[in-house]
Structures are given as structure tokens and as C-alpha cells.
Protein backbone atom coordinates (compact mmCIF):
# COMPACT_ATOMS: atom_id res chain seq x y z
CA MET A 1 23.07 -10.80 0.86
CA VAL A 2 21.38 -9.28 -1.58
CA LEU A 3 21.66 -11.90 -3.75
CA ARG A 4 20.07 -14.38 -0.61
CA ILE A 5 17.15 -11.83 -0.08
CA PHE A 6 16.29 -11.07 -3.66
CA GLY A 7 17.14 -14.74 -4.96
CA VAL A 8 13.35 -16.02 -5.06
CA SER A 9 12.09 -12.68 -6.53
CA PHE A 10 14.59 -13.06 -9.50
CA ALA A 11 13.88 -16.51 -10.23
CA VAL A 12 9.67 -16.01 -9.57
CA THR A 13 10.41 -13.10 -12.26
CA VAL A 14 11.60 -15.23 -14.80
CA VAL A 15 9.20 -18.10 -14.27
CA ALA A 16 6.48 -15.22 -14.98
CA LEU A 17 8.00 -13.55 -17.85
CA VAL A 18 8.61 -16.91 -19.20
CA VAL A 19 4.59 -17.48 -18.06
CA ALA A 20 3.22 -14.44 -19.90
CA PHE A 21 5.72 -15.07 -22.82
CA LEU A 22 3.80 -19.19 -23.22
CA TYR A 23 -0.09 -17.44 -22.37
CA GLY A 24 0.19 -14.25 -24.76
CA GLY A 25 3.31 -14.21 -26.39
CA PRO A 26 5.53 -11.03 -27.03
CA GLN A 27 2.52 -8.40 -26.19
CA ALA A 28 1.50 -10.19 -23.09
CA LEU A 29 5.55 -10.50 -22.04
CA LEU A 30 5.51 -7.05 -22.51
CA LEU A 31 3.11 -5.64 -20.69
CA VAL A 32 3.91 -8.08 -17.53
CA THR A 33 7.50 -5.99 -17.86
CA ILE A 34 5.38 -2.92 -17.81
CA LEU A 35 2.99 -3.68 -14.84
CA SER A 36 6.24 -4.53 -13.01
CA ILE A 37 8.15 -1.76 -13.06
CA LEU A 38 4.25 0.21 -11.96
CA GLU A 39 3.90 -1.96 -8.74
CA ILE A 40 7.78 -1.78 -8.08
CA SER A 41 8.12 1.79 -8.69
CA LEU A 42 4.62 2.35 -6.30
CA SER A 43 5.80 0.79 -3.84
CA PHE A 44 8.60 1.96 -2.14
CA ASP A 45 7.18 3.30 0.64
CA ASN A 46 5.27 0.66 1.37
CA ALA A 47 7.84 -1.45 1.59
CA VAL A 48 9.65 1.00 4.15
CA ILE A 49 6.50 1.33 6.44
CA ASN A 50 6.25 -2.68 6.13
CA ALA A 51 9.89 -3.12 7.44
CA THR A 52 9.07 -0.55 10.34
CA VAL A 53 6.28 -2.33 11.79
CA LEU A 54 7.81 -5.66 10.72
CA ARG A 55 10.93 -5.24 12.80
CA ARG A 56 8.84 -5.16 15.82
CA MET A 57 7.14 -8.53 15.53
CA SER A 58 8.34 -11.83 16.79
CA GLU A 59 10.57 -13.69 14.13
CA PHE A 60 7.52 -16.21 14.16
CA TRP A 61 5.27 -13.73 13.08
CA GLN A 62 7.18 -12.13 10.37
CA LYS A 63 7.11 -15.84 8.89
CA ILE A 64 4.05 -15.98 8.88
CA PHE A 65 3.64 -12.25 6.96
CA LEU A 66 6.32 -13.31 4.45
CA THR A 67 4.68 -16.46 3.82
CA VAL A 68 0.85 -16.46 4.16
CA GLY A 69 0.80 -12.36 3.85
CA ILE A 70 2.77 -12.92 0.55
CA VAL A 71 0.07 -15.38 -0.80
CA ILE A 72 -3.11 -13.03 0.10
CA ALA A 73 -0.95 -9.81 -1.46
CA VAL A 74 -0.60 -12.29 -4.64
CA PHE A 75 -3.75 -13.47 -4.94
CA GLY A 76 -6.15 -12.13 -2.86
CA MET A 77 -5.02 -8.36 -4.26
CA ARG A 78 -4.08 -8.98 -7.51
CA LEU A 79 -6.54 -11.67 -8.46
CA VAL A 80 -9.41 -12.30 -6.16
CA PHE A 81 -9.77 -8.69 -5.25
CA PRO A 82 -10.62 -7.47 -8.65
CA LEU A 83 -13.00 -10.14 -9.81
CA VAL A 84 -14.62 -9.22 -6.24
CA ILE A 85 -15.22 -6.08 -7.82
CA VAL A 86 -16.79 -7.96 -10.61
CA TRP A 87 -19.05 -9.99 -8.85
CA ILE A 88 -20.57 -7.29 -6.63
CA ALA A 89 -20.88 -4.71 -9.03
CA SER A 90 -22.68 -6.30 -11.50
CA GLY A 91 -24.36 -9.00 -9.95
CA LEU A 92 -22.87 -12.07 -11.56
CA GLY A 93 -22.08 -15.15 -10.28
CA PRO A 94 -17.91 -15.53 -9.38
CA ILE A 95 -18.37 -18.32 -12.20
CA ALA A 96 -19.44 -16.08 -14.58
CA ALA A 97 -17.50 -12.91 -12.79
CA LEU A 98 -14.59 -14.78 -13.95
CA ASP A 99 -15.44 -15.87 -17.31
CA LEU A 100 -16.54 -12.55 -18.40
CA ALA A 101 -13.17 -11.27 -17.14
CA LEU A 102 -11.28 -14.30 -19.12
CA ASN A 103 -13.62 -14.06 -22.13
CA PRO A 104 -15.09 -10.63 -22.41
CA PRO A 105 -17.28 -10.30 -25.11
CA ALA A 106 -17.15 -8.05 -27.77
CA ASP A 107 -20.29 -6.02 -27.09
CA GLY A 108 -20.91 -7.48 -23.37
CA ALA A 109 -24.49 -8.36 -24.74
CA ALA A 110 -23.72 -12.00 -23.48
CA TYR A 111 -24.42 -10.43 -19.86
CA PHE A 112 -25.68 -7.23 -20.38
CA PRO A 113 -29.15 -6.34 -22.37
CA ASP A 114 -27.63 -2.87 -23.15
CA GLY A 115 -24.08 -4.40 -23.79
CA SER A 116 -23.06 -1.19 -21.84
CA ALA A 117 -20.68 -3.45 -19.21
CA SER A 118 -17.42 -4.99 -19.24
CA TYR A 119 -14.62 -6.45 -17.31
CA GLU A 120 -13.07 -3.40 -16.95
CA THR A 121 -15.40 -0.58 -16.88
CA LEU A 122 -16.87 -2.20 -14.35
CA ILE A 123 -14.01 -2.17 -12.34
CA THR A 124 -13.16 1.53 -14.07
CA ASP A 125 -16.82 2.03 -11.99
CA ALA A 126 -15.99 1.27 -9.05
CA HIS A 127 -12.84 3.44 -8.50
CA PRO A 128 -14.19 6.32 -6.50
CA GLN A 129 -15.34 3.47 -3.52
CA ILE A 130 -12.01 1.73 -4.01
CA ALA A 131 -10.07 5.13 -3.97
CA ALA A 132 -12.18 6.68 -0.79
CA PHE A 133 -11.74 3.68 1.37
CA GLY A 134 -7.88 3.61 0.79
CA GLY A 135 -7.33 7.01 0.58
CA MET A 136 -8.97 7.72 4.00
CA PHE A 137 -7.18 4.56 5.54
CA LEU A 138 -3.78 6.26 4.51
CA LEU A 139 -4.53 9.50 5.43
CA MET A 140 -5.22 8.41 9.04
CA LEU A 141 -2.21 6.46 9.01
CA PHE A 142 0.25 9.19 7.59
CA LEU A 143 -2.01 12.06 9.96
CA GLY A 144 -1.19 9.34 13.15
CA PHE A 145 2.68 9.53 12.46
CA MET A 146 2.64 13.51 11.43
CA LEU A 147 0.44 14.40 14.52
CA GLU A 148 3.21 12.75 16.91
CA GLU A 149 5.57 14.24 19.23
CA LYS A 150 8.64 12.58 17.82
CA GLU A 151 12.50 13.10 18.79
CA ILE A 152 14.20 13.20 15.26
CA THR A 153 11.89 15.46 12.65
CA TRP A 154 12.61 15.20 8.90
CA LEU A 155 11.35 18.59 7.73
CA SER A 156 10.97 20.04 11.15
CA TRP A 157 9.27 23.41 10.19
CA ILE A 158 6.86 21.83 9.50
CA GLU A 159 6.80 18.28 11.41
CA LYS A 160 7.32 20.63 15.12
CA PRO A 161 4.06 23.01 14.45
CA LEU A 162 1.98 19.40 13.92
CA ALA A 163 3.39 17.64 16.47
CA ARG A 164 2.22 20.53 18.77
CA VAL A 165 -1.15 21.09 17.43
CA GLY A 166 -1.42 17.21 17.23
CA LYS A 167 -1.86 17.97 21.28
CA LEU A 168 -5.38 18.17 20.23
CA ASN A 169 -7.27 15.44 21.12
CA GLN A 170 -8.76 13.82 17.74
CA LEU A 171 -6.94 15.97 15.48
CA GLU A 172 -6.37 13.51 12.94
CA VAL A 173 -10.04 12.33 13.02
CA VAL A 174 -11.32 16.26 12.52
CA ILE A 175 -8.61 16.66 9.63
CA ALA A 176 -9.61 13.47 7.90
CA THR A 177 -13.38 14.39 8.14
CA THR A 178 -13.03 17.66 6.69
CA LEU A 179 -11.19 16.61 3.90
CA LEU A 180 -13.50 13.07 3.04
CA VAL A 181 -16.76 15.79 3.19
CA ILE A 182 -14.78 18.13 0.38
CA THR A 183 -14.05 15.12 -1.30
CA ALA A 184 -17.23 13.65 -1.41
CA THR A 185 -19.09 17.32 -2.12
CA ALA A 186 -16.33 18.79 -4.47
CA ILE A 187 -14.39 16.02 -5.79
CA ALA A 188 -16.71 13.02 -6.19
CA PRO A 189 -19.27 12.82 -9.24
CA GLU A 190 -22.78 14.00 -7.88
CA ASP A 191 -24.38 10.37 -8.36
CA LYS A 192 -21.42 9.27 -5.83
CA THR A 193 -21.40 11.50 -3.22
CA ALA A 194 -22.91 8.78 -0.84
CA THR A 195 -21.03 6.38 -1.66
CA VAL A 196 -17.57 8.61 -1.70
CA MET A 197 -18.74 9.53 1.73
CA ILE A 198 -19.64 5.66 2.91
CA ALA A 199 -16.50 3.90 1.88
CA GLY A 200 -14.10 6.81 3.38
CA ALA A 201 -16.09 6.17 6.67
CA LEU A 202 -15.15 2.71 6.36
CA GLY A 203 -11.49 3.24 5.70
CA MET A 204 -11.52 5.34 8.80
CA ILE A 205 -13.12 2.82 10.76
CA THR A 206 -11.28 0.04 9.71
CA TYR A 207 -7.97 2.04 10.64
CA MET A 208 -9.30 3.08 13.90
CA VAL A 209 -10.26 -0.33 14.99
CA VAL A 210 -6.80 -1.94 13.59
CA ASN A 211 -5.15 0.92 15.43
CA GLY A 212 -6.49 0.40 18.49
CA LEU A 213 -6.51 -3.42 18.93
CA GLY A 214 -2.89 -2.44 18.62
CA GLU A 215 -2.46 -0.20 21.94
CA LEU A 216 -3.84 -2.40 23.77
CA PHE A 217 -0.79 -4.44 23.45
CA ASN A 218 1.73 -1.51 23.24
CA VAL A 219 4.67 -1.97 25.33
CA ASP A 220 6.48 1.56 23.77
CA GLU A 221 5.92 4.81 24.24
CA ASP A 222 5.99 5.94 20.62
CA SER A 223 4.00 4.80 17.92
CA THR A 224 3.77 3.38 14.31
CA GLY A 225 1.47 2.72 12.51
CA PRO A 226 -1.07 0.72 15.06
CA SER A 227 1.95 0.26 17.38
CA GLU A 228 5.43 -0.08 17.94
CA LEU A 229 5.60 -3.44 19.54
CA ALA A 230 9.00 -5.20 20.50
CA LYS A 231 8.94 -8.34 19.78
CA ALA A 232 5.25 -8.67 19.15
CA THR A 233 3.97 -12.18 19.58
CA GLY A 234 0.46 -13.70 20.59
CA LYS A 235 -2.43 -10.97 19.91
CA ALA A 236 -0.28 -8.50 19.46
CA GLY A 237 1.93 -10.25 16.11
CA PHE A 238 -1.42 -10.72 15.01
CA PHE A 239 -3.24 -7.55 15.21
CA LEU A 240 -0.01 -6.21 13.33
CA PHE A 241 -0.18 -8.73 10.80
CA LEU A 242 -3.65 -7.97 10.43
CA TYR A 243 -2.60 -3.85 9.90
CA LEU A 244 -0.16 -4.81 7.48
CA GLU A 245 -2.10 -6.49 5.58
CA VAL A 246 -5.19 -4.34 5.46
CA LEU A 247 -1.80 -1.15 4.65
CA ASP A 248 -1.03 -3.89 1.72
CA ALA A 249 -4.61 -3.50 0.32
CA SER A 250 -4.32 0.25 1.00
CA PHE A 251 -1.52 0.14 -1.63
CA SER A 252 -2.64 -2.29 -3.95
CA PHE A 253 -5.72 0.06 -4.70
CA ASP A 254 -4.07 2.81 -7.46
CA GLY A 255 -2.22 -0.09 -8.73
CA VAL A 256 -5.04 -2.56 -9.42
CA ILE A 257 -6.92 0.04 -11.08
CA GLY A 258 -4.09 1.76 -12.56
CA ALA A 259 -3.14 -1.26 -14.11
CA PHE A 260 -6.19 -1.58 -16.37
CA ALA A 261 -5.18 1.51 -18.05
CA ILE A 262 -2.43 -0.67 -19.16
CA THR A 263 -5.18 -4.41 -19.71
CA ALA A 264 -7.54 -5.62 -18.43
CA ASP A 265 -6.60 -9.64 -18.48
CA PRO A 266 -6.77 -10.46 -15.02
CA ILE A 267 -3.83 -13.25 -15.34
CA ILE A 268 -1.26 -10.49 -17.13
CA ILE A 269 -2.31 -8.37 -14.20
CA ALA A 270 -1.78 -10.87 -11.17
CA LEU A 271 1.93 -11.91 -13.00
CA GLY A 272 3.17 -8.11 -13.33
CA LEU A 273 1.53 -6.97 -10.20
CA GLY A 274 1.57 -10.02 -8.03
CA PHE A 275 4.15 -12.56 -8.62
CA VAL A 276 6.45 -9.55 -9.64
CA GLY A 277 4.84 -6.89 -7.69
CA ALA A 278 4.78 -8.04 -4.54
CA MET A 279 7.77 -10.80 -4.41
CA PHE A 280 9.74 -7.63 -4.63
CA VAL A 281 8.02 -5.46 -2.45
CA ARG A 282 8.75 -8.80 0.20
CA SER A 283 12.39 -8.90 -0.39
CA LEU A 284 12.73 -4.82 -0.27
CA THR A 285 10.94 -4.90 3.22
CA VAL A 286 13.20 -8.29 4.37
CA TYR A 287 16.37 -6.15 3.01
CA LEU A 288 15.28 -3.20 5.14
CA VAL A 289 14.86 -5.16 8.31
CA ARG A 290 17.96 -7.28 7.79
CA GLN A 291 20.65 -4.38 6.98
CA GLY A 292 19.10 -2.03 9.73
CA THR A 293 18.51 0.13 6.94
CA LEU A 294 15.65 2.22 8.73
CA SER A 295 18.32 2.55 11.69
CA ASP A 296 21.58 3.91 9.45
CA TYR A 297 18.75 6.33 7.62
CA VAL A 298 16.55 7.45 9.91
CA TYR A 299 14.83 10.15 7.79
CA LEU A 300 13.24 6.83 5.56
CA GLU A 301 10.50 6.58 7.80
CA HIS A 302 9.24 10.09 7.48
CA GLY A 303 9.99 10.33 3.54
CA ALA A 304 7.34 7.05 3.38
CA HIS A 305 4.93 8.84 5.44
CA TRP A 306 4.95 11.67 3.62
CA ALA A 307 4.73 9.53 0.45
CA ILE A 308 2.03 8.34 2.54
CA GLY A 309 0.07 11.36 2.70
CA ALA A 310 0.56 12.54 -0.74
CA LEU A 311 -0.44 9.16 -1.84
CA SER A 312 -3.52 9.30 0.16
CA LEU A 313 -4.19 12.88 -1.54
CA ILE A 314 -3.85 11.68 -4.74
CA LEU A 315 -6.14 8.73 -4.48
CA LEU A 316 -8.98 10.96 -3.10
CA TYR A 317 -8.42 13.27 -5.98
CA SER A 318 -8.54 10.78 -8.30
CA ILE A 319 -11.96 10.23 -7.70
CA GLY A 320 -12.47 13.17 -9.98
CA THR A 321 -9.76 13.74 -12.14
CA HIS A 322 -7.61 10.88 -13.61
CA VAL A 323 -3.63 11.27 -12.22
CA SER A 324 -1.94 9.14 -14.01
CA GLU A 325 0.27 6.50 -12.53
CA ILE A 326 3.47 7.64 -13.78
CA VAL A 327 2.80 11.26 -11.54
CA THR A 328 1.75 8.60 -8.36
CA GLY A 329 4.76 6.56 -8.79
CA LEU A 330 7.39 9.19 -9.13
CA THR A 331 5.84 11.11 -6.42
CA GLY A 332 6.69 8.44 -3.92
CA VAL A 333 9.89 7.42 -5.24
CA VAL A 334 11.28 11.33 -5.16
CA LEU A 335 10.31 11.91 -1.27
CA ILE A 336 12.35 8.47 -0.65
CA VAL A 337 14.76 9.50 -2.48
CA ALA A 338 14.57 12.72 -0.68
CA ALA A 339 14.80 11.56 2.87
CA LEU A 340 17.46 8.69 2.33
CA VAL A 341 20.17 11.62 0.79
CA SER A 342 18.72 14.09 3.68
CA SER A 343 19.84 11.14 6.17
CA ILE A 344 23.02 10.54 4.31
CA ILE A 345 23.99 14.28 4.60
CA ARG A 346 23.27 14.19 8.18
CA ASN A 347 25.17 11.01 9.38
CA LYS A 348 28.11 12.53 7.15
CA ARG A 349 27.61 15.88 9.52
CA ASN A 350 27.23 13.79 12.66
CA PRO A 351 29.28 10.68 12.59
CA ASP A 352 29.07 9.87 15.84
CA VAL A 353 25.56 9.96 16.20
CA GLY A 354 24.65 6.73 16.76
CA GLU A 355 20.95 4.82 15.85
CA ALA A 356 17.86 6.02 16.59
CA ALA A 357 17.26 4.76 20.34
CA ASP A 358 14.11 3.18 18.97
CA ALA A 359 15.68 1.08 16.11
CA PRO A 360 15.67 -2.38 16.98
CA ALA A 361 18.36 -3.69 14.68
CA SER A 362 19.05 -7.06 15.96
CA VAL A 363 15.86 -7.98 14.78
CA GLN A 364 16.46 -11.08 12.28
CA VAL A 365 14.26 -11.48 9.53
CA LYS A 366 14.72 -14.86 7.27
CA PRO A 367 13.78 -14.20 3.56
């Protein structure tokens, strides 16, 4: 089972490492390895959340996400997205942006008279608006889950009070907007205040739009992300697919930006984050659904959402202060592992407790 699910990912990893060695020798091989580990460590919570939504989609839309979706994840977010940022931020055409990425001039003078810009600095300068958008989108996702009444709670001492106050209409919007204002005025650089406000507002709007579209086709009382749809098809499946793509993009922001602290070469970044990292996220998502892991270990979903909440706050804080990718990755891993351990303890203490009632473990996902 494990080999069948992860086999393609292992094969892609070998090919990516070989290509990296042929492309840039031992140094490129080492950089791709580091980036792969970085992306995988940052993506455990992403895979858990993907699985909670994917298991409610029809087999057709599951296949679409695991095929078309992975192409978007690999090429769109890990290769094209950084180039688009450079294209927009610099005013260069797409060909010139690609040339700048692949052949950066020593002083930047070939593109900018003052020699101040480079591919790496353009990406770094765009971090505040990227972090604001992704941070607010993930924060809305976290709040939407935590402010909702749930039959099962993990950290009950805080989750139950949050669910009670969550009965106040639009409380998540109030909390998110307040944090956005604080971030823009107290954390962001003075010249980025308006930019952070706009980008953060767009992140909130994007979540609410996709969430609202999903709720149009809601067939369950509970909801996770945009909604919990049982074998969603047609428009419902499409909106869940759209939601998952936006979610993956939001998770990718910190990894893509963090990669530039290691290398500015877009080919190496694409190999490490995209071909290796994104493929393992896909395999891990499939594994969680096929094995019914979320049903067996009921606190995993809670741990993933706490990891999302932590990541959203880290992204917002990073607008003004650099945060090491090690901190970001370990925070998510620690919360996921803690939720897993809590689930195992719960199962041992209550061996007769059945699987969560809302977990459609029969859904099949073919790798």
C-alpha cells in the first residue's frame, strides 16, 4: 500500500535529483535536497487539510485534483508564480523576467540603471503583500473551524469557549480584520501599510467568496473549509477543487519565499519545492484518505487547523520581522504530532469508540 501510493513520488524524487546534478552538479543536488526537506516539513498540515476536503469529493474530482491540481501546484505556484511576481514588480516583460531569473546580471544594470534590483530582491520585496494575502486567507480558514460547534474537540479548554463565542455572527471577520489592521499599522514597514491592507483584504475576500460558493451546495450540517460535501459532483466538486487550489497556493507562499533564502535559481526551486515537495504532499494526501487516517485519529484535523492558525500568525508577523523557515516547519510538525499522539491515547482509553460519524472512510482515492 505504502509503495503503491508513494512509489511515483519516490520515482519523481530520483529523477529530480538526477536532473539537479546534471544541471548544476553536487551543489545543485544539495540545494534541491534541502528545498525538498523544507517543503515536505512545511506541508504536513497542508496534506491533512487537503484530505479532509478531498474525501468528500467524487472520484472524478479527486482525480482532477490529483492530476490537474498537481500540475498547477508544481508549475503554477513553484515556477510560474515567482516569475509573475518579478514580471509585475519590475515592469519587465515575461521573457525578460525569465531571462533575469536564469541569467541574473552581476549588478542588475542590464535591467535597472541604479543596479538595485535582482530576481531575488524583487521576490523578497513582494513578501509583505504575499504574506498578507496568504496569512489572512489561512487565518479565516482557522477561525472558521475554531468558531464552529463540533462534536469532538481536542484542546477542549479553549475550543469549546471559542465555539460558544463563535455564535456571534461574522465574528471571524471581526477578529481577522482587527488583526489585519494591527499588522498593517504596527508590524508592516510604513511604506507597505496600504499594500498590506489591500492584500490582506483580498485574502479575506477570496476565502469568503470560495467559502460562500461551496456553501451553496452544502449537504451536511457540519463544515470544514468551504463546506463538507459528501461525494461532491458538478459545480460543488469544482468549487471544492478551486478551494483546494487557493489553499495550496496559500500554503506555498512561505515555502516559495523561504526558498530564496537558500537559492534564487528558479529551476532548482521548481525541482525541490515542486517536483519533489508537491508530489509528496499529493501522496500523503492520498494516503490519509485511503487509510481512513482522519477517522482513526480524530484529533489530526484539529491539529492541522491549529498549525494553520500558527502559520497564519507567523506569516503576518514575518511582514515586519524575518522568521526562520525552521521555526515555521517545526511549529506545524509539533502540532500535528501532538494531535496524533492525543488521538492514539484517546483510542487506547476508548477502544470501543467508533470512527467519527462524519468520516466517510469508504471514499476511494486512486493514486
